[in-house]
Protein backbone atom coordinates (compact mmCIF):
# COMPACT_ATOMS: atom_id res chain seq x y z
CA MET A 1 98.77 99.64 67.13
CA SER A 2 100.76 103.02 66.75
CA GLU A 3 99.89 103.15 63.20
CA VAL A 4 96.00 103.19 64.04
CA LEU A 5 96.69 106.18 66.36
CA GLN A 6 98.00 108.14 63.78
CA ILE A 7 94.72 107.74 61.64
CA THR A 8 93.52 111.05 61.93
CA SER A 9 96.84 112.44 61.09
CA PRO A 10 96.33 114.89 57.56
CA SER A 11 99.50 113.28 55.80
CA VAL A 12 97.90 109.51 56.83
CA SER A 13 98.64 107.24 53.80
CA LYS A 14 95.84 105.41 51.60
CA ALA A 15 97.99 101.83 52.85
CA GLN A 16 97.05 103.16 56.59
CA LYS A 17 93.40 104.13 55.96
CA ARG A 18 93.17 100.81 54.12
CA GLU A 19 94.65 98.72 57.69
CA TYR A 20 92.54 101.31 59.85
CA ASP A 21 89.33 100.15 57.54
CA ASN A 22 90.44 96.42 58.15
CA ILE A 23 90.76 96.89 61.59
CA ASN A 24 87.32 98.79 61.99
CA GLU A 25 85.80 95.92 60.25
CA LEU A 26 86.66 93.51 63.20
CA PRO A 27 84.07 92.60 65.72
CA ASP A 28 83.90 94.28 69.51
CA GLU A 29 84.96 91.16 71.12
CA VAL A 30 88.57 91.28 69.05
CA LEU A 31 89.27 94.64 69.23
CA ILE A 32 88.92 94.68 73.01
CA SER A 33 91.22 91.64 73.29
CA ILE A 34 93.77 93.97 70.90
CA LEU A 35 93.06 97.09 73.96
CA ALA A 36 93.59 94.95 76.40
CA ARG A 37 97.10 94.22 75.39
CA MET A 38 97.58 98.15 75.60
CA PRO A 39 98.07 100.13 78.78
CA MET A 40 95.26 101.49 79.99
CA LYS A 41 96.54 105.08 79.16
CA GLU A 42 97.15 104.04 75.59
CA ALA A 43 94.06 102.27 75.06
CA ALA A 44 92.12 105.44 76.13
CA ARG A 45 93.61 107.45 73.69
CA THR A 46 92.02 105.23 70.94
CA SER A 47 88.54 106.56 72.14
CA VAL A 48 89.32 109.72 69.70
CA LEU A 49 89.06 107.80 66.44
CA SER A 50 85.09 107.35 65.95
CA ARG A 51 82.25 107.04 67.64
CA ARG A 52 82.57 103.48 68.13
CA TRP A 53 86.03 103.51 69.41
CA LYS A 54 84.84 106.03 71.88
CA LYS A 55 83.62 103.42 74.41
CA LEU A 56 85.45 100.36 73.15
CA TRP A 57 88.28 100.72 75.63
CA THR A 58 85.87 101.43 78.55
CA SER A 59 85.78 97.65 78.41
CA HIS A 60 89.34 97.14 79.16
CA PRO A 61 89.79 94.27 81.70
CA TYR A 62 92.72 95.38 83.30
CA LEU A 63 92.19 98.51 85.09
CA VAL A 64 96.31 99.62 86.18
CA PHE A 65 96.18 103.22 88.23
CA ASP A 66 99.97 102.78 88.89
CA GLY A 67 100.59 106.73 90.10
CA SER A 68 104.22 105.92 91.19
CA ASN A 69 106.22 107.76 89.25
CA SER A 70 104.48 110.94 90.34
CA LEU A 71 105.45 110.52 94.12
CA ARG A 72 109.17 110.26 93.06
CA GLY A 73 110.60 113.58 95.03
CA ILE A 74 107.31 114.69 96.68
CA HIS A 75 108.32 114.57 99.86
CA TYR A 76 111.29 117.20 99.18
CA ARG A 77 108.41 119.23 98.58
CA SER A 78 105.51 120.64 100.06
CA GLU A 79 102.15 119.35 101.41
CA GLN A 80 99.97 121.39 99.15
CA VAL A 81 102.01 119.79 95.70
CA LEU A 82 101.25 116.08 97.34
CA GLU A 83 97.52 117.22 97.67
CA SER A 84 97.34 118.66 94.37
CA GLU A 85 99.30 115.18 92.82
CA GLN A 86 96.18 113.43 95.02
CA PHE A 87 93.55 115.17 93.65
CA LYS A 88 94.74 114.69 90.21
CA TYR A 89 95.35 111.15 90.54
CA LEU A 90 91.53 110.47 92.25
CA ASN A 91 90.14 112.58 89.51
CA TRP A 92 91.99 110.04 86.66
CA VAL A 93 90.46 106.48 88.96
CA ASN A 94 87.06 107.92 89.60
CA ASP A 95 86.86 109.20 85.56
CA VAL A 96 88.02 105.69 84.35
CA LEU A 97 86.02 103.92 86.87
CA GLU A 98 82.50 105.92 85.54
CA SER A 99 83.39 105.13 82.22
CA HIS A 100 83.88 101.74 82.67
CA HIS A 101 81.29 99.54 81.00
CA ASP A 102 82.26 95.46 81.32
CA ALA A 103 80.82 92.86 83.59
CA ALA A 104 84.17 91.87 84.76
CA ILE A 105 87.67 92.61 84.90
CA ASP A 106 90.62 90.73 85.32
CA GLU A 107 93.10 93.20 87.10
CA PHE A 108 92.47 96.18 89.40
CA LYS A 109 95.54 98.34 90.93
CA ILE A 110 95.92 101.24 93.16
CA ARG A 111 99.84 102.28 93.25
CA PHE A 112 99.47 106.09 95.21
CA TYR A 113 100.04 107.30 98.56
CA LEU A 114 96.61 108.29 100.15
CA ASP A 115 95.47 108.14 103.30
CA GLN A 116 92.14 107.65 105.56
CA CYS A 117 91.34 111.23 104.22
CA TYR A 118 90.45 109.64 101.51
CA GLN A 119 88.40 106.65 103.02
CA SER A 120 84.86 107.07 101.00
CA ASP A 121 86.59 107.18 98.02
CA ILE A 122 88.62 103.95 98.33
CA ASP A 123 85.52 101.98 99.58
CA ASP A 124 83.89 102.73 96.55
CA TRP A 125 87.08 101.45 94.69
CA VAL A 126 86.97 98.09 96.68
CA ARG A 127 83.39 97.83 96.03
CA PHE A 128 83.69 98.58 92.61
CA ALA A 129 86.47 95.90 91.86
CA PHE A 130 84.70 93.38 93.88
CA GLY A 131 81.34 94.02 92.53
CA LYS A 132 83.21 93.45 88.73
CA LYS A 133 84.47 90.16 90.04
CA VAL A 134 88.01 91.15 89.98
CA GLN A 135 90.85 88.42 89.88
CA ARG A 136 93.56 89.86 90.94
CA PHE A 137 93.21 92.64 92.86
CA GLU A 138 96.20 94.95 94.34
CA LEU A 139 95.68 98.04 96.81
CA ASP A 140 99.32 99.54 97.32
CA LEU A 141 99.07 103.00 99.15
CA SER A 142 102.60 103.05 100.18
CA SER A 143 105.02 106.39 100.30
CA SER A 144 108.30 106.83 101.15
CA ARG A 145 106.97 109.82 103.10
CA VAL A 146 105.42 107.83 105.55
CA ILE A 147 107.10 105.76 108.12
CA SER A 148 104.49 103.09 108.00
CA HIS A 149 105.68 101.29 111.28
CA VAL A 150 104.72 104.05 113.38
CA GLN A 151 101.63 105.92 111.84
CA ASP A 152 97.91 104.57 112.19
CA SER A 153 96.27 107.13 109.47
CA GLY A 154 96.59 104.96 106.72
CA TYR A 155 93.28 103.94 105.17
CA GLU A 156 91.28 101.13 106.61
CA LEU A 157 89.73 98.08 104.76
CA CYS A 158 86.49 97.68 107.46
CA SER A 159 84.45 94.77 107.36
CA HIS A 160 81.03 96.98 106.44
CA THR A 161 82.90 97.97 103.24
CA LEU A 162 82.92 93.89 101.85
CA HIS A 163 79.38 92.66 101.25
CA PHE A 164 79.82 88.50 100.09
CA GLN A 165 76.66 88.34 98.89
CA THR A 166 78.15 85.80 96.34
CA PRO A 167 81.50 84.15 96.52
CA LEU A 168 84.06 86.38 94.91
CA SER A 169 86.44 85.46 91.99
CA LEU A 170 90.01 86.48 93.28
CA THR A 171 93.01 84.68 92.73
CA SER A 172 95.74 87.03 94.07
CA LEU A 173 95.54 90.13 96.96
CA VAL A 174 98.01 92.50 97.73
CA LEU A 175 97.19 94.45 100.31
CA LYS A 176 100.30 97.19 101.55
CA GLN A 177 100.24 100.21 103.89
CA VAL A 178 96.92 99.45 104.34
CA ARG A 179 95.33 98.81 107.97
CA VAL A 180 93.78 95.37 108.00
CA SER A 181 93.01 93.16 110.71
CA GLY A 182 93.48 89.57 111.10
CA GLU A 183 89.48 89.42 111.39
CA VAL A 184 88.90 90.99 108.27
CA LEU A 185 91.45 88.95 105.80
CA GLU A 186 90.10 85.72 107.81
CA ASN A 187 86.49 86.94 105.89
CA LEU A 188 87.57 87.46 103.15
CA LEU A 189 89.65 84.22 102.90
CA SER A 190 86.56 82.64 103.36
CA ASN A 191 84.89 83.86 100.61
CA SER A 192 87.37 83.61 98.62
CA PRO A 193 88.07 79.93 96.80
CA PHE A 194 90.20 80.56 93.82
CA LEU A 195 92.43 82.77 96.30
CA GLU A 196 96.03 81.29 95.72
CA ARG A 197 98.16 84.41 96.64
CA LEU A 198 98.09 86.51 99.52
CA CYS A 199 100.51 89.82 100.49
CA ILE A 200 100.46 91.92 103.45
CA GLY A 201 102.76 94.52 103.70
CA ALA A 202 103.43 97.39 106.71
CA SER A 203 99.66 96.83 108.44
CA THR A 204 99.54 98.38 111.73
CA SER A 205 96.35 96.65 112.73
CA LEU A 206 97.43 93.17 112.18
CA VAL A 207 97.91 91.39 115.18
CA HIS A 208 96.77 87.64 114.80
CA LEU A 209 96.02 85.83 111.71
CA ARG A 210 94.83 82.30 111.42
CA LEU A 211 94.52 80.86 107.87
CA ALA A 212 93.23 77.56 108.36
CA GLY A 213 90.66 75.02 106.46
CA PRO A 214 91.01 72.08 103.68
CA SER A 215 89.19 74.28 100.89
CA LEU A 216 91.94 77.05 101.49
CA CYS A 217 93.59 77.21 98.24
CA LEU A 218 96.46 79.58 99.08
CA THR A 219 99.57 78.75 97.61
CA TYR A 220 101.79 81.95 98.01
CA LEU A 221 101.92 83.84 101.82
CA GLU A 222 104.08 87.06 101.93
CA ILE A 223 103.73 89.20 105.24
CA THR A 224 106.54 92.25 105.61
CA ALA A 225 106.94 94.62 107.82
CA CYS A 226 103.68 94.40 109.94
CA ALA A 227 105.09 95.89 113.21
CA ARG A 228 102.26 94.75 115.84
CA MET A 229 101.49 91.41 114.62
CA LYS A 230 102.06 88.36 117.26
CA SER A 231 101.31 85.19 115.85
CA LEU A 232 100.33 83.56 112.58
CA GLU A 233 99.10 80.06 112.41
CA LEU A 234 99.06 77.93 109.46
CA ASP A 235 96.97 75.07 109.04
CA ALA A 236 97.58 75.27 104.62
CA PRO A 237 97.21 71.79 102.80
CA ASN A 238 98.12 73.67 99.34
CA LEU A 239 100.81 76.29 100.86
CA LEU A 240 104.10 76.06 99.08
CA SER A 241 105.37 79.09 99.93
CA LEU A 242 105.90 81.62 102.55
CA LYS A 243 107.55 84.71 103.46
CA TYR A 244 107.58 86.69 106.27
CA SER A 245 109.82 89.37 107.34
CA GLY A 246 109.35 91.72 110.39
CA GLN A 247 108.84 91.30 114.12
CA ASN A 248 109.22 88.59 116.70
CA ILE A 249 106.35 86.19 116.58
CA GLU A 250 105.24 83.26 117.34
CA ILE A 251 104.27 81.23 114.00
CA ARG A 252 102.11 77.95 113.96
CA PHE A 253 102.68 75.17 111.57
CA ILE A 254 99.58 73.53 111.97
CA GLU A 255 99.12 71.37 108.27
CA VAL A 256 101.66 72.25 105.77
CA PRO A 257 102.32 69.36 103.42
CA ASN A 258 103.46 71.24 100.15
CA LEU A 259 105.30 74.03 101.45
CA ALA A 260 108.63 73.85 100.04
CA GLU A 261 110.18 77.39 99.61
CA VAL A 262 110.81 79.59 102.82
CA PHE A 263 112.13 83.26 103.34
CA ILE A 264 112.88 84.55 107.36
CA GLY A 265 113.90 88.18 107.84
CA GLY A 266 113.78 91.24 109.26
CA MET A 267 114.16 91.55 113.75
CA PHE A 268 112.16 88.09 113.50
CA VAL A 269 115.63 86.14 112.09
CA GLU A 270 117.20 87.79 114.65
CA THR A 271 116.11 85.11 117.34
CA CYS A 272 113.83 82.98 115.19
CA THR A 273 116.91 80.33 114.66
CA ARG A 274 116.94 79.73 117.94
CA ASN A 275 113.43 80.15 119.70
CA TYR A 276 110.65 80.59 116.94
CA PHE A 277 111.52 78.77 113.49
CA LEU A 278 114.31 76.21 113.47
CA PRO A 279 111.97 74.20 116.44
CA LEU A 280 109.13 73.80 114.15
CA VAL A 281 110.99 72.90 111.05
CA PRO A 282 111.09 69.32 111.50
CA THR A 283 107.72 69.79 110.40
CA PHE A 284 108.52 70.10 107.05
CA ALA A 285 112.18 69.49 106.90
CA SER A 286 111.88 66.43 104.62
CA GLN A 287 110.24 68.92 102.14
CA LEU A 288 111.96 72.00 102.25
CA GLN A 289 113.71 72.97 99.13
CA LYS A 290 114.48 76.05 98.97
CA LEU A 291 115.49 78.43 102.22
CA VAL A 292 116.03 81.91 102.56
CA LEU A 293 117.41 83.99 105.00
CA GLU A 294 118.62 87.34 106.35
CA MET A 295 120.51 87.35 109.26
CA ARG A 296 123.09 88.75 111.40
CA VAL A 297 125.83 86.89 112.65
CA ASP A 298 126.27 86.30 115.80
CA GLU A 299 129.15 83.80 116.49
CA ARG A 300 128.75 83.02 120.16
CA LYS A 301 125.00 82.39 119.70
CA MET A 302 125.06 80.63 116.52
CA LYS A 303 127.21 78.23 117.56
CA LEU A 304 124.92 77.10 119.84
CA PHE A 305 122.53 76.35 117.05
CA GLU A 306 121.43 72.45 116.35
CA TYR A 307 119.77 72.66 113.05
CA PRO A 308 117.80 70.04 112.12
CA ILE A 309 118.31 68.03 108.59
CA LEU A 310 117.24 69.80 106.06
CA SER A 311 117.47 66.31 103.34
CA GLN A 312 116.00 67.88 100.26
CA LEU A 313 116.73 71.11 100.48
CA LYS A 314 118.49 71.90 97.04
CA GLU A 315 118.35 76.01 97.31
CA LEU A 316 120.28 78.41 100.32
CA GLU A 317 120.29 81.86 100.11
CA LEU A 318 121.90 83.43 103.25
CA GLN A 319 121.94 87.66 103.27
CA VAL A 320 123.83 88.36 106.16
CA ARG A 321 125.22 91.18 108.06
CA ALA A 322 128.36 91.15 109.88
CA ARG A 323 130.77 93.75 111.36
CA ASP A 324 134.26 93.68 109.50
CA HIS A 325 135.87 91.37 112.06
CA ASP A 326 132.70 88.62 112.11
CA SER A 327 134.03 84.94 110.62
CA LEU A 328 131.52 83.42 108.48
CA LEU A 329 132.74 79.89 109.20
CA CYS A 330 129.87 79.68 112.10
CA LEU A 331 127.37 79.39 108.82
CA THR A 332 129.13 75.94 107.85
CA SER A 333 126.75 74.16 110.65
CA LEU A 334 123.67 75.30 108.27
CA ILE A 335 125.15 74.14 105.22
CA ASN A 336 126.48 70.68 106.62
CA ALA A 337 123.16 70.02 107.49
CA SER A 338 121.59 69.80 103.82
CA PRO A 339 123.37 67.25 102.33
CA SER A 340 121.66 67.18 98.97
CA LEU A 341 122.35 71.50 98.41
CA ASN A 342 123.25 72.33 95.13
CA GLN A 343 123.12 76.23 95.05
CA LEU A 344 124.36 78.26 97.78
CA SER A 345 124.26 82.04 97.44
CA LEU A 346 125.90 84.67 99.88
CA GLU A 347 125.38 87.99 100.35
CA VAL A 348 127.39 89.71 103.14
CA ILE A 349 126.45 93.64 104.19
CA CYS A 350 129.58 94.58 106.43
CA TYR A 351 129.16 97.18 109.26
CA CYS A 352 131.01 98.16 111.82
CA PHE A 353 131.23 100.24 115.36
CA GLU A 354 133.36 103.36 115.84
CA LEU A 355 134.49 103.70 119.27
CA ASN A 356 134.65 106.84 120.80
CA ASN A 357 136.36 106.94 123.76
CA GLY A 358 136.66 110.56 124.25
């Protein structure tokens, strides 16, 4: 496609022109399929080739608006610089959406820091994507400028933004630094019969979440850095993989017959092995094949742990924070509880405290 983009050059050879003519004879469906394999910005540049090509790119099925590169270093500069970049980003997204003519899209991604000041624009983007029967939807509004767990000024995904006249086509939903409640998420899932992947990150509105129902197709669930979350209830017959990292919460496993991979981390891991998580492991201990734990070594407390037998566990990853004088021998009881283990990964981060006697 690089040669096609150069055909307007005065020095184009006859062979290149013949190649362009051959490509131009292909039906629109084939050309759109070719453009779909190019980044959206590159596909848009083909609009200068001819009158026919001017509209071909507007049927691009993958609308990925990744502005994360332009955010780098902005937190060291003024608010005016940030506002200027946000203005450019909004214009980019809105211009593309106004030009887009295809009836359906496969993927829609927003990656840029925007807060509630842009609620109306983001609402329009959400409605556009869902109206186009999007399959993979990502709304990542995070930024290193913002401490996500203490701010409530982020965009809020509300129920009135989502109108479910027909079931959604979603297979993957990613929301980062988006304020979304458990009620809205449960409503979304009940109207998404094909949803397999759900990722929620840094939502300050998520407190309670219940995922349940025999028709639930969810196979992967990830919840990270949701500082106000208190409980998670899982009745998910198709769930294969669970990742939770954050505050201490209550997790209830009602029915998870296929759960094979679990990741536990964040503040939760400090007490999860003692009070929350391990007592529930027998629910799926016989089927668990991979376990990843972020944990802090506490020899006194860990000696009291009674790990259930993880008879099918094949992979164990331990991401350990320890003081320079801590012994890692307290981890052996967990390893001994995994008789089928064939892969062990241990990552140790050492830290120390300086005592000031002055």
